[in-house]
């Protein structure tokens, strides 16, 4: 029952967001000539301000990215020496097993083809 309520509330939120976006778009499209030019100027001023901030804050963005990378590396489960040795042996055994199977099938097919041809 609570899942249905959560789904319904999430759907209602999404619908409200969509309605708000469409009403904003309708407002912009219904503007007269002067209103459109004002809207365009405001939009261009916003993008010009963003460009200045982007140029100045690239160093800050780089620092934030590197901090994120460091925090994610700290979350990684690094293997201990004992685990590393065990997993390496398992990989070598698996490679030897699969390699020997491929060799066996190749030898059998070669022998069968020599008898047929």
PDB file of N, CA and C in Angstrom:
ATOM      1  N   UNK A   1       0.826  -1.180   0.000  1.00  0.00           N
ATOM      2  CA  UNK A   1       0.000   0.000   0.000  1.00  0.00           C
ATOM      3  C   UNK A   1       0.872   1.247   0.000  1.00  0.00           C
ATOM      4  N   UNK A   2       1.957   1.217   0.785  1.00  0.00           N
ATOM      5  CA  UNK A   2       2.818   2.391   0.852  1.00  0.00           C
ATOM      6  C   UNK A   2       3.564   2.591  -0.465  1.00  0.00           C
ATOM      7  N   UNK A   3       3.866   1.485  -1.184  1.00  0.00           N
ATOM      8  CA  UNK A   3       4.528   1.623  -2.480  1.00  0.00           C
ATOM      9  C   UNK A   3       3.628   2.342  -3.464  1.00  0.00           C
ATOM     10  N   UNK A   4       2.313   2.032  -3.433  1.00  0.00           N
ATOM     11  CA  UNK A   4       1.375   2.699  -4.321  1.00  0.00           C
ATOM     12  C   UNK A   4       1.321   4.186  -4.004  1.00  0.00           C
ATOM     13  N   UNK A   5       1.318   4.533  -2.720  1.00  0.00           N
ATOM     14  CA  UNK A   5       1.289   5.939  -2.331  1.00  0.00           C
ATOM     15  C   UNK A   5       2.552   6.652  -2.806  1.00  0.00           C
ATOM     16  N   UNK A   6       3.711   5.998  -2.646  1.00  0.00           N
ATOM     17  CA  UNK A   6       4.963   6.589  -3.099  1.00  0.00           C
ATOM     18  C   UNK A   6       4.959   6.791  -4.610  1.00  0.00           C
ATOM     19  N   UNK A   7       4.480   5.764  -5.347  1.00  0.00           N
ATOM     20  CA  UNK A   7       4.427   5.875  -6.802  1.00  0.00           C
ATOM     21  C   UNK A   7       3.485   6.987  -7.226  1.00  0.00           C
ATOM     22  N   UNK A   8       2.316   7.075  -6.558  1.00  0.00           N
ATOM     23  CA  UNK A   8       1.354   8.121  -6.896  1.00  0.00           C
ATOM     24  C   UNK A   8       1.923   9.502  -6.614  1.00  0.00           C
ATOM     25  N   UNK A   9       2.597   9.662  -5.473  1.00  0.00           N
ATOM     26  CA  UNK A   9       3.146  10.973  -5.144  1.00  0.00           C
ATOM     27  C   UNK A   9       4.275  11.340  -6.104  1.00  0.00           C
ATOM     28  N   UNK A  10       5.085  10.350  -6.499  1.00  0.00           N
ATOM     29  CA  UNK A  10       6.146  10.614  -7.470  1.00  0.00           C
ATOM     30  C   UNK A  10       5.564  11.019  -8.824  1.00  0.00           C
ATOM     31  N   UNK A  11       4.492  10.318  -9.237  1.00  0.00           N
ATOM     32  CA  UNK A  11       3.852  10.661 -10.504  1.00  0.00           C
ATOM     33  C   UNK A  11       3.253  12.054 -10.458  1.00  0.00           C
ATOM     34  N   UNK A  12       2.651  12.417  -9.330  1.00  0.00           N
ATOM     35  CA  UNK A  12       2.068  13.748  -9.188  1.00  0.00           C
ATOM     36  C   UNK A  12       3.153  14.817  -9.264  1.00  0.00           C
ATOM     37  N   UNK A  13       4.298  14.578  -8.620  1.00  0.00           N
ATOM     38  CA  UNK A  13       5.401  15.533  -8.666  1.00  0.00           C
ATOM     39  C   UNK A  13       5.903  15.715 -10.088  1.00  0.00           C
ATOM     40  N   UNK A  14       6.052  14.609 -10.812  1.00  0.00           N
ATOM     41  CA  UNK A  14       6.524  14.692 -12.192  1.00  0.00           C
ATOM     42  C   UNK A  14       5.536  15.462 -13.054  1.00  0.00           C
ATOM     43  N   UNK A  15       4.230  15.205 -12.849  1.00  0.00           N
ATOM     44  CA  UNK A  15       3.213  15.919 -13.616  1.00  0.00           C
ATOM     45  C   UNK A  15       3.255  17.409 -13.328  1.00  0.00           C
ATOM     46  N   UNK A  16       3.453  17.794 -12.076  1.00  0.00           N
ATOM     47  CA  UNK A  16       3.531  19.212 -11.726  1.00  0.00           C
ATOM     48  C   UNK A  16       4.733  19.866 -12.380  1.00  0.00           C
ATOM     49  N   UNK A  17       5.871  19.168 -12.398  1.00  0.00           N
ATOM     50  CA  UNK A  17       7.059  19.710 -13.044  1.00  0.00           C
ATOM     51  C   UNK A  17       6.815  19.923 -14.534  1.00  0.00           C
ATOM     52  N   UNK A  18       6.186  18.941 -15.189  1.00  0.00           N
ATOM     53  CA  UNK A  18       5.901  19.063 -16.615  1.00  0.00           C
ATOM     54  C   UNK A  18       4.968  20.227 -16.885  1.00  0.00           C
ATOM     55  N   UNK A  19       3.937  20.389 -16.034  1.00  0.00           N
ATOM     56  CA  UNK A  19       2.994  21.495 -16.208  1.00  0.00           C
ATOM     57  C   UNK A  19       3.697  22.827 -16.036  1.00  0.00           C
ATOM     58  N   UNK A  20       4.608  22.911 -15.071  1.00  0.00           N
ATOM     59  CA  UNK A  20       5.327  24.171 -14.849  1.00  0.00           C
ATOM     60  C   UNK A  20       6.201  24.506 -16.051  1.00  0.00           C
ATOM     61  N   UNK A  21       6.858  23.508 -16.613  1.00  0.00           N
ATOM     62  CA  UNK A  21       7.701  23.752 -17.778  1.00  0.00           C
ATOM     63  C   UNK A  21       6.868  24.197 -18.968  1.00  0.00           C
ATOM     64  N   UNK A  22       5.731  23.530 -19.196  1.00  0.00           N
ATOM     65  CA  UNK A  22       4.900  23.904 -20.341  1.00  0.00           C
ATOM     66  C   UNK A  22       4.284  25.275 -20.151  1.00  0.00           C
ATOM     67  N   UNK A  23       3.936  25.645 -18.918  1.00  0.00           N
ATOM     68  CA  UNK A  23       3.367  26.979 -18.695  1.00  0.00           C
ATOM     69  C   UNK A  23       4.421  28.055 -18.908  1.00  0.00           C
ATOM     70  N   UNK A  24       5.676  27.792 -18.521  1.00  0.00           N
ATOM     71  CA  UNK A  24       6.759  28.751 -18.774  1.00  0.00           C
ATOM     72  C   UNK A  24       6.977  28.925 -20.276  1.00  0.00           C
ATOM     73  N   UNK A  25       6.954  27.825 -20.992  1.00  0.00           N
ATOM     74  CA  UNK A  25       7.151  27.900 -22.437  1.00  0.00           C
ATOM     75  C   UNK A  25       5.997  28.650 -23.092  1.00  0.00           C
ATOM     76  N   UNK A  26       4.782  28.424 -22.598  1.00  0.00           N
ATOM     77  CA  UNK A  26       3.622  29.115 -23.157  1.00  0.00           C
ATOM     78  C   UNK A  26       3.713  30.614 -22.888  1.00  0.00           C
ATOM     79  N   UNK A  27       4.184  30.994 -21.726  1.00  0.00           N
ATOM     80  CA  UNK A  27       4.344  32.412 -21.401  1.00  0.00           C
ATOM     81  C   UNK A  27       5.331  33.073 -22.353  1.00  0.00           C
ATOM     82  N   UNK A  28       6.452  32.413 -22.601  1.00  0.00           N
ATOM     83  CA  UNK A  28       7.462  32.979 -23.486  1.00  0.00           C
ATOM     84  C   UNK A  28       6.953  33.072 -24.916  1.00  0.00           C
ATOM     85  N   UNK A  29       6.214  32.067 -25.365  1.00  0.00           N
ATOM     86  CA  UNK A  29       5.746  32.081 -26.745  1.00  0.00           C
ATOM     87  C   UNK A  29       4.611  33.074 -26.959  1.00  0.00           C
ATOM     88  N   UNK A  30       3.855  33.410 -25.913  1.00  0.00           N
ATOM     89  CA  UNK A  30       2.732  34.334 -26.068  1.00  0.00           C
ATOM     90  C   UNK A  30       3.133  35.787 -25.864  1.00  0.00           C
ATOM     91  N   UNK A  31       4.389  36.059 -25.623  1.00  0.00           N
ATOM     92  CA  UNK A  31       4.843  37.426 -25.393  1.00  0.00           C
ATOM     93  C   UNK A  31       4.791  38.230 -26.684  1.00  0.00           C
ATOM     94  N   UNK A  32       4.512  39.545 -26.549  1.00  0.00           N
ATOM     95  CA  UNK A  32       4.488  40.427 -27.717  1.00  0.00           C
ATOM     96  C   UNK A  32       5.906  40.771 -28.125  1.00  0.00           C
ATOM     97  N   UNK A  33       6.072  41.589 -29.178  1.00  0.00           N
ATOM     98  CA  UNK A  33       7.385  41.924 -29.713  1.00  0.00           C
ATOM     99  C   UNK A  33       8.321  42.502 -28.673  1.00  0.00           C
ATOM    100  N   UNK A  34       7.854  43.516 -27.919  1.00  0.00           N
ATOM    101  CA  UNK A  34       8.714  44.142 -26.915  1.00  0.00           C
ATOM    102  C   UNK A  34       9.053  43.167 -25.803  1.00  0.00           C
ATOM    103  N   UNK A  35       8.046  42.398 -25.390  1.00  0.00           N
ATOM    104  CA  UNK A  35       8.278  41.431 -24.318  1.00  0.00           C
ATOM    105  C   UNK A  35       9.284  40.369 -24.766  1.00  0.00           C
ATOM    106  N   UNK A  36       9.195  39.959 -26.029  1.00  0.00           N
ATOM    107  CA  UNK A  36      10.137  38.961 -26.542  1.00  0.00           C
ATOM    108  C   UNK A  36      11.556  39.491 -26.520  1.00  0.00           C
ATOM    109  N   UNK A  37      11.722  40.763 -26.935  1.00  0.00           N
ATOM    110  CA  UNK A  37      13.078  41.319 -26.942  1.00  0.00           C
ATOM    111  C   UNK A  37      13.620  41.439 -25.525  1.00  0.00           C
ATOM    112  N   UNK A  38      12.756  41.747 -24.555  1.00  0.00           N
ATOM    113  CA  UNK A  38      13.193  41.822 -23.164  1.00  0.00           C
ATOM    114  C   UNK A  38      13.612  40.443 -22.677  1.00  0.00           C
ATOM    115  N   UNK A  39      12.794  39.440 -23.042  1.00  0.00           N
ATOM    116  CA  UNK A  39      13.128  38.076 -22.637  1.00  0.00           C
ATOM    117  C   UNK A  39      14.448  37.634 -23.259  1.00  0.00           C
ATOM    118  N   UNK A  40      14.659  37.978 -24.516  1.00  0.00           N
ATOM    119  CA  UNK A  40      15.894  37.588 -25.192  1.00  0.00           C
ATOM    120  C   UNK A  40      17.093  38.262 -24.534  1.00  0.00           C
ATOM    121  N   UNK A  41      16.942  39.561 -24.200  1.00  0.00           N
ATOM    122  CA  UNK A  41      18.035  40.276 -23.553  1.00  0.00           C
ATOM    123  C   UNK A  41      18.370  39.642 -22.209  1.00  0.00           C
ATOM    124  N   UNK A  42      17.316  39.313 -21.438  1.00  0.00           N
ATOM    125  CA  UNK A  42      17.554  38.708 -20.127  1.00  0.00           C
ATOM    126  C   UNK A  42      18.269  37.373 -20.282  1.00  0.00           C
ATOM    127  N   UNK A  43      17.834  36.575 -21.258  1.00  0.00           N
ATOM    128  CA  UNK A  43      18.472  35.285 -21.483  1.00  0.00           C
ATOM    129  C   UNK A  43      19.923  35.462 -21.893  1.00  0.00           C
ATOM    130  N   UNK A  44      20.199  36.435 -22.786  1.00  0.00           N
ATOM    131  CA  UNK A  44      21.574  36.636 -23.225  1.00  0.00           C
ATOM    132  C   UNK A  44      22.441  37.168 -22.083  1.00  0.00           C
ATOM    133  N   UNK A  45      21.857  37.981 -21.199  1.00  0.00           N
ATOM    134  CA  UNK A  45      22.614  38.463 -20.044  1.00  0.00           C
ATOM    135  C   UNK A  45      22.963  37.309 -19.113  1.00  0.00           C
ATOM    136  N   UNK A  46      22.021  36.386 -18.956  1.00  0.00           N
ATOM    137  CA  UNK A  46      22.281  35.231 -18.097  1.00  0.00           C
ATOM    138  C   UNK A  46      23.417  34.385 -18.656  1.00  0.00           C
ATOM    139  N   UNK A  47      23.390  34.142 -19.965  1.00  0.00           N
ATOM    140  CA  UNK A  47      24.432  33.304 -20.553  1.00  0.00           C
ATOM    141  C   UNK A  47      25.776  34.015 -20.527  1.00  0.00           C
ATOM    142  N   UNK A  48      25.772  35.339 -20.693  1.00  0.00           N
ATOM    143  CA  UNK A  48      27.034  36.083 -20.629  1.00  0.00           C
ATOM    144  C   UNK A  48      27.620  36.002 -19.227  1.00  0.00           C
ATOM    145  N   UNK A  49      26.773  36.115 -18.212  1.00  0.00           N
ATOM    146  CA  UNK A  49      27.234  35.985 -16.833  1.00  0.00           C
ATOM    147  C   UNK A  49      27.767  34.599 -16.541  1.00  0.00           C
ATOM    148  N   UNK A  50      27.113  33.602 -17.115  1.00  0.00           N
ATOM    149  CA  UNK A  50      27.563  32.227 -16.909  1.00  0.00           C
ATOM    150  C   UNK A  50      28.921  31.994 -17.551  1.00  0.00           C
ATOM    151  N   UNK A  51      29.145  32.590 -18.727  1.00  0.00           N
ATOM    152  CA  UNK A  51      30.428  32.406 -19.403  1.00  0.00           C
ATOM    153  C   UNK A  51      31.557  32.973 -18.562  1.00  0.00           C
ATOM    154  N   UNK A  52      31.336  34.143 -17.961  1.00  0.00           N
ATOM    155  CA  UNK A  52      32.362  34.739 -17.117  1.00  0.00           C
ATOM    156  C   UNK A  52      32.643  33.863 -15.907  1.00  0.00           C
ATOM    157  N   UNK A  53      31.569  33.358 -15.308  1.00  0.00           N
ATOM    158  CA  UNK A  53      31.742  32.497 -14.142  1.00  0.00           C
ATOM    159  C   UNK A  53      32.437  31.201 -14.526  1.00  0.00           C
ATOM    160  N   UNK A  54      32.087  30.656 -15.701  1.00  0.00           N
ATOM    161  CA  UNK A  54      32.705  29.407 -16.145  1.00  0.00           C
ATOM    162  C   UNK A  54      34.205  29.576 -16.346  1.00  0.00           C
ATOM    163  N   UNK A  55      34.597  30.704 -16.935  1.00  0.00           N
ATOM    164  CA  UNK A  55      36.022  30.941 -17.159  1.00  0.00           C
ATOM    165  C   UNK A  55      36.760  31.065 -15.834  1.00  0.00           C
ATOM    166  N   UNK A  56      36.133  31.719 -14.867  1.00  0.00           N
ATOM    167  CA  UNK A  56      36.799  31.955 -13.590  1.00  0.00           C
ATOM    168  C   UNK A  56      36.771  30.713 -12.702  1.00  0.00           C
ATOM    169  N   UNK A  57      35.777  29.855 -12.890  1.00  0.00           N
ATOM    170  CA  UNK A  57      35.618  28.757 -11.941  1.00  0.00           C
ATOM    171  C   UNK A  57      36.122  27.410 -12.464  1.00  0.00           C
ATOM    172  N   UNK A  58      36.838  27.390 -13.574  1.00  0.00           N
ATOM    173  CA  UNK A  58      37.298  26.097 -14.072  1.00  0.00           C
ATOM    174  C   UNK A  58      38.281  25.455 -13.113  1.00  0.00           C
ATOM    175  N   UNK A  59      39.044  26.294 -12.424  1.00  0.00           N
ATOM    176  CA  UNK A  59      39.982  25.770 -11.447  1.00  0.00           C
ATOM    177  C   UNK A  59      39.233  25.171 -10.252  1.00  0.00           C
ATOM    178  N   UNK A  60      38.167  25.849  -9.848  1.00  0.00           N
ATOM    179  CA  UNK A  60      37.339  25.330  -8.758  1.00  0.00           C
ATOM    180  C   UNK A  60      36.669  24.017  -9.135  1.00  0.00           C
ATOM    181  N   UNK A  61      36.216  23.928 -10.381  1.00  0.00           N
ATOM    182  CA  UNK A  61      35.605  22.688 -10.857  1.00  0.00           C
ATOM    183  C   UNK A  61      36.619  21.551 -10.874  1.00  0.00           C
ATOM    184  N   UNK A  62      37.839  21.868 -11.270  1.00  0.00           N
ATOM    185  CA  UNK A  62      38.894  20.856 -11.291  1.00  0.00           C
ATOM    186  C   UNK A  62      39.187  20.358  -9.880  1.00  0.00           C
ATOM    187  N   UNK A  63      39.266  21.283  -8.932  1.00  0.00           N
ATOM    188  CA  UNK A  63      39.509  20.888  -7.540  1.00  0.00           C
ATOM    189  C   UNK A  63      38.374  20.012  -7.020  1.00  0.00           C
ATOM    190  N   UNK A  64      37.129  20.397  -7.354  1.00  0.00           N
ATOM    191  CA  UNK A  64      35.970  19.621  -6.890  1.00  0.00           C
ATOM    192  C   UNK A  64      35.995  18.222  -7.504  1.00  0.00           C
ATOM    193  N   UNK A  65      36.345  18.139  -8.786  1.00  0.00           N
ATOM    194  CA  UNK A  65      36.436  16.840  -9.450  1.00  0.00           C
ATOM    195  C   UNK A  65      37.488  15.960  -8.798  1.00  0.00           C
ATOM    196  N   UNK A  66      38.666  16.530  -8.529  1.00  0.00           N
ATOM    197  CA  UNK A  66      39.745  15.743  -7.931  1.00  0.00           C
ATOM    198  C   UNK A  66      39.387  15.301  -6.519  1.00  0.00           C
ATOM    199  N   UNK A  67      38.700  16.159  -5.766  1.00  0.00           N
ATOM    200  CA  UNK A  67      38.240  15.747  -4.435  1.00  0.00           C
ATOM    201  C   UNK A  67      37.279  14.566  -4.537  1.00  0.00           C
ATOM    202  N   UNK A  68      36.404  14.594  -5.540  1.00  0.00           N
ATOM    203  CA  UNK A  68      35.478  13.487  -5.760  1.00  0.00           C
ATOM    204  C   UNK A  68      36.198  12.203  -6.116  1.00  0.00           C
ATOM    205  N   UNK A  69      37.231  12.329  -6.941  1.00  0.00           N
ATOM    206  CA  UNK A  69      38.009  11.151  -7.331  1.00  0.00           C
ATOM    207  C   UNK A  69      38.681  10.547  -6.103  1.00  0.00           C
ATOM    208  N   UNK A  70      39.274  11.380  -5.276  1.00  0.00           N
ATOM    209  CA  UNK A  70      39.960  10.885  -4.080  1.00  0.00           C
ATOM    210  C   UNK A  70      38.966  10.200  -3.145  1.00  0.00           C
ATOM    211  N   UNK A  71      37.777  10.791  -2.980  1.00  0.00           N
ATOM    212  CA  UNK A  71      36.802  10.173  -2.075  1.00  0.00           C
ATOM    213  C   UNK A  71      36.318   8.836  -2.617  1.00  0.00           C
ATOM    214  N   UNK A  72      36.184   8.709  -3.945  1.00  0.00           N
ATOM    215  CA  UNK A  72      35.766   7.433  -4.528  1.00  0.00           C
ATOM    216  C   UNK A  72      36.862   6.378  -4.406  1.00  0.00           C
ATOM    217  N   UNK A  73      38.129   6.780  -4.552  1.00  0.00           N
ATOM    218  CA  UNK A  73      39.236   5.833  -4.413  1.00  0.00           C
ATOM    219  C   UNK A  73      39.313   5.314  -2.981  1.00  0.00           C
ATOM    220  N   UNK A  74      38.958   6.146  -2.025  1.00  0.00           N
ATOM    221  CA  UNK A  74      38.963   5.699  -0.627  1.00  0.00           C
ATOM    222  C   UNK A  74      37.891   4.645  -0.374  1.00  0.00           C
ATOM    223  N   UNK A  75      36.824   4.647  -1.165  1.00  0.00           N
ATOM    224  CA  UNK A  75      35.729   3.692  -0.990  1.00  0.00           C
ATOM    225  C   UNK A  75      36.032   2.329  -1.598  1.00  0.00           C
ATOM    226  N   UNK A  76      37.059   2.240  -2.428  1.00  0.00           N
ATOM    227  CA  UNK A  76      37.394   0.988  -3.104  1.00  0.00           C
ATOM    228  C   UNK A  76      37.908  -0.023  -2.092  1.00  0.00           C
ATOM    229  N   UNK A  77      37.464  -1.285  -2.256  1.00  0.00           N
ATOM    230  CA  UNK A  77      37.957  -2.363  -1.397  1.00  0.00           C
ATOM    231  C   UNK A  77      39.231  -2.907  -2.025  1.00  0.00           C
ATOM    232  N   UNK A  78      40.360  -2.593  -1.420  1.00  0.00           N
ATOM    233  CA  UNK A  78      41.636  -3.053  -1.938  1.00  0.00           C
ATOM    234  C   UNK A  78      41.951  -4.420  -1.339  1.00  0.00           C
ATOM    235  N   UNK A  79      42.478  -5.316  -2.168  1.00  0.00           N
ATOM    236  CA  UNK A  79      42.788  -6.669  -1.719  1.00  0.00           C
ATOM    237  C   UNK A  79      44.023  -6.673  -0.835  1.00  0.00           C
ATOM    238  N   UNK A  80      44.006  -7.579   0.131  1.00  0.00           N
ATOM    239  CA  UNK A  80      45.180  -7.799   0.954  1.00  0.00           C
ATOM    240  C   UNK A  80      46.139  -8.738   0.236  1.00  0.00           C
ATOM    241  N   UNK A  81      47.310  -8.923   0.788  1.00  0.00           N
ATOM    242  CA  UNK A  81      48.326  -9.757   0.154  1.00  0.00           C
ATOM    243  C   UNK A  81      47.845 -11.198   0.013  1.00  0.00           C
ATOM    244  N   UNK A  82      47.230 -11.731   1.058  1.00  0.00           N
ATOM    245  CA  UNK A  82      46.772 -13.119   1.038  1.00  0.00           C
ATOM    246  C   UNK A  82      45.696 -13.314  -0.033  1.00  0.00           C
ATOM    247  N   UNK A  83      44.728 -12.401  -0.087  1.00  0.00           N
ATOM    248  CA  UNK A  83      43.664 -12.494  -1.088  1.00  0.00           C
ATOM    249  C   UNK A  83      44.241 -12.373  -2.502  1.00  0.00           C
ATOM    250  N   UNK A  84      45.184 -11.491  -2.672  1.00  0.00           N
ATOM    251  CA  UNK A  84      45.789 -11.276  -3.986  1.00  0.00           C
ATOM    252  C   UNK A  84      46.494 -12.535  -4.479  1.00  0.00           C
ATOM    253  N   UNK A  85      47.226 -13.211  -3.603  1.00  0.00           N
ATOM    254  CA  UNK A  85      47.934 -14.435  -3.975  1.00  0.00           C
ATOM    255  C   UNK A  85      46.932 -15.526  -4.333  1.00  0.00           C
ATOM    256  N   UNK A  86      45.881 -15.671  -3.537  1.00  0.00           N
ATOM    257  CA  UNK A  86      44.871 -16.708  -3.796  1.00  0.00           C
ATOM    258  C   UNK A  86      44.187 -16.467  -5.143  1.00  0.00           C
ATOM    259  N   UNK A  87      43.754 -15.237  -5.393  1.00  0.00           N
ATOM    260  CA  UNK A  87      43.054 -14.928  -6.647  1.00  0.00           C
ATOM    261  C   UNK A  87      43.984 -15.076  -7.855  1.00  0.00           C
ATOM    262  N   UNK A  88      45.260 -14.776  -7.693  1.00  0.00           N
ATOM    263  CA  UNK A  88      46.214 -14.943  -8.786  1.00  0.00           C
ATOM    264  C   UNK A  88      46.375 -16.414  -9.126  1.00  0.00           C
ATOM    265  N   UNK A  89      46.464 -17.258  -8.116  1.00  0.00           N
ATOM    266  CA  UNK A  89      46.573 -18.705  -8.345  1.00  0.00           C
ATOM    267  C   UNK A  89      45.316 -19.232  -9.031  1.00  0.00           C
ATOM    268  N   UNK A  90      44.152 -18.768  -8.597  1.00  0.00           N
ATOM    269  CA  UNK A  90      42.889 -19.201  -9.217  1.00  0.00           C
ATOM    270  C   UNK A  90      42.871 -18.822 -10.698  1.00  0.00           C
ATOM    271  N   UNK A  91      43.321 -17.623 -11.018  1.00  0.00           N
ATOM    272  CA  UNK A  91      43.342 -17.184 -12.414  1.00  0.00           C
ATOM    273  C   UNK A  91      44.299 -18.044 -13.229  1.00  0.00           C
ATOM    274  N   UNK A  92      45.502 -18.324 -12.724  1.00  0.00           N
ATOM    275  CA  UNK A  92      46.454 -19.156 -13.452  1.00  0.00           C
ATOM    276  C   UNK A  92      45.905 -20.559 -13.683  1.00  0.00           C
ATOM    277  N   UNK A  93      45.283 -21.147 -12.676  1.00  0.00           N
ATOM    278  CA  UNK A  93      44.710 -22.487 -12.824  1.00  0.00           C
ATOM    279  C   UNK A  93      43.600 -22.472 -13.870  1.00  0.00           C
ATOM    280  N   UNK A  94      42.743 -21.442 -13.834  1.00  0.00           N
ATOM    281  CA  UNK A  94      41.651 -21.349 -14.808  1.00  0.00           C
ATOM    282  C   UNK A  94      42.198 -21.187 -16.219  1.00  0.00           C
ATOM    283  N   UNK A  95      43.227 -20.384 -16.396  1.00  0.00           N
ATOM    284  CA  UNK A  95      43.824 -20.194 -17.721  1.00  0.00           C
ATOM    285  C   UNK A  95      44.444 -21.492 -18.217  1.00  0.00           C
ATOM    286  N   UNK A  96      45.151 -22.202 -17.360  1.00  0.00           N
ATOM    287  CA  UNK A  96      45.742 -23.485 -17.755  1.00  0.00           C
ATOM    288  C   UNK A  96      44.659 -24.497 -18.136  1.00  0.00           C
ATOM    289  N   UNK A  97      43.588 -24.549 -17.381  1.00  0.00           N
ATOM    290  CA  UNK A  97      42.492 -25.478 -17.658  1.00  0.00           C
ATOM    291  C   UNK A  97      41.844 -25.168 -19.000  1.00  0.00           C
ATOM    292  N   UNK A  98      41.485 -23.907 -19.226  1.00  0.00           N
ATOM    293  CA  UNK A  98      40.835 -23.530 -20.488  1.00  0.00           C
ATOM    294  C   UNK A  98      41.801 -23.719 -21.651  1.00  0.00           C
ATOM    295  N   UNK A  99      43.066 -23.388 -21.468  1.00  0.00           N
ATOM    296  CA  UNK A  99      44.062 -23.588 -22.526  1.00  0.00           C
ATOM    297  C   UNK A  99      44.221 -25.046 -22.889  1.00  0.00           C
ATOM    298  N   UNK A 100      44.233 -25.919 -21.878  1.00  0.00           N
ATOM    299  CA  UNK A 100      44.369 -27.354 -22.166  1.00  0.00           C
ATOM    300  C   UNK A 100      43.123 -27.896 -22.855  1.00  0.00           C
ATOM    301  N   UNK A 101      41.950 -27.385 -22.509  1.00  0.00           N
ATOM    302  CA  UNK A 101      40.728 -27.803 -23.209  1.00  0.00           C
ATOM    303  C   UNK A 101      40.778 -27.383 -24.680  1.00  0.00           C
ATOM    304  N   UNK A 102      41.203 -26.182 -24.934  1.00  0.00           N
ATOM    305  CA  UNK A 102      41.304 -25.710 -26.320  1.00  0.00           C
ATOM    306  C   UNK A 102      42.328 -26.556 -27.082  1.00  0.00           C
ATOM    307  N   UNK A 103      43.476 -26.878 -26.462  1.00  0.00           N
ATOM    308  CA  UNK A 103      44.489 -27.706 -27.098  1.00  0.00           C
ATOM    309  C   UNK A 103      43.933 -29.088 -27.417  1.00  0.00           C
ATOM    310  N   UNK A 104      43.182 -29.677 -26.456  1.00  0.00           N
ATOM    311  CA  UNK A 104      42.606 -31.004 -26.649  1.00  0.00           C
ATOM    312  C   UNK A 104      41.628 -31.018 -27.817  1.00  0.00           C
ATOM    313  N   UNK A 105      40.704 -30.051 -27.854  1.00  0.00           N
ATOM    314  CA  UNK A 105      39.733 -30.005 -28.958  1.00  0.00           C
ATOM    315  C   UNK A 105      40.423 -29.730 -30.291  1.00  0.00           C
ATOM    316  N   UNK A 106      41.431 -28.905 -30.294  1.00  0.00           N
ATOM    317  CA  UNK A 106      42.176 -28.616 -31.520  1.00  0.00           C
ATOM    318  C   UNK A 106      42.873 -29.877 -32.022  1.00  0.00           C
ATOM    319  N   UNK A 107      43.478 -30.625 -31.112  1.00  0.00           N
ATOM    320  CA  UNK A 107      44.154 -31.870 -31.502  1.00  0.00           C
ATOM    321  C   UNK A 107      43.163 -32.876 -32.057  1.00  0.00           C
ATOM    322  N   UNK A 108      42.013 -33.007 -31.403  1.00  0.00           N
ATOM    323  CA  UNK A 108      40.994 -33.940 -31.888  1.00  0.00           C
ATOM    324  C   UNK A 108      40.477 -33.545 -33.266  1.00  0.00           C
ATOM    325  N   UNK A 109      40.192 -32.267 -33.451  1.00  0.00           N
ATOM    326  CA  UNK A 109      39.695 -31.822 -34.747  1.00  0.00           C
ATOM    327  C   UNK A 109      40.751 -31.985 -35.834  1.00  0.00           C
ATOM    328  N   UNK A 110      41.996 -31.749 -35.508  1.00  0.00           N
ATOM    329  CA  UNK A 110      43.077 -31.920 -36.480  1.00  0.00           C
ATOM    330  C   UNK A 110      43.177 -33.390 -36.907  1.00  0.00           C
ATOM    331  N   UNK A 111      43.081 -34.287 -35.925  1.00  0.00           N
ATOM    332  CA  UNK A 111      43.159 -35.721 -36.229  1.00  0.00           C
ATOM    333  C   UNK A 111      41.980 -36.159 -37.072  1.00  0.00           C
ATOM    334  N   UNK A 112      40.789 -35.689 -36.752  1.00  0.00           N
ATOM    335  CA  UNK A 112      39.590 -36.058 -37.526  1.00  0.00           C
ATOM    336  C   UNK A 112      39.700 -35.524 -38.948  1.00  0.00           C
ATOM    337  N   UNK A 113      40.153 -34.287 -39.112  1.00  0.00           N
ATOM    338  CA  UNK A 113      40.279 -33.708 -40.450  1.00  0.00           C
ATOM    339  C   UNK A 113      41.338 -34.428 -41.279  1.00  0.00           C
ATOM    340  N   UNK A 114      42.413 -34.878 -40.655  1.00  0.00           N
ATOM    341  CA  UNK A 114      43.462 -35.627 -41.395  1.00  0.00           C
ATOM    342  C   UNK A 114      42.907 -36.974 -41.884  1.00  0.00           C
ATOM    343  N   UNK A 115      42.068 -37.607 -41.082  1.00  0.00           N
ATOM    344  CA  UNK A 115      41.473 -38.891 -41.489  1.00  0.00           C
ATOM    345  C   UNK A 115      40.477 -38.677 -42.617  1.00  0.00           C
ATOM    346  N   UNK A 116      39.730 -37.564 -42.569  1.00  0.00           N
ATOM    347  CA  UNK A 116      38.709 -37.316 -43.577  1.00  0.00           C
ATOM    348  C   UNK A 116      39.342 -36.890 -44.896  1.00  0.00           C
ATOM    349  N   UNK A 117      40.341 -36.068 -44.835  1.00  0.00           N
ATOM    350  CA  UNK A 117      40.964 -35.545 -46.067  1.00  0.00           C
ATOM    351  C   UNK A 117      42.022 -36.451 -46.496  1.00  0.00           C
TER     352      UNK A 117
END
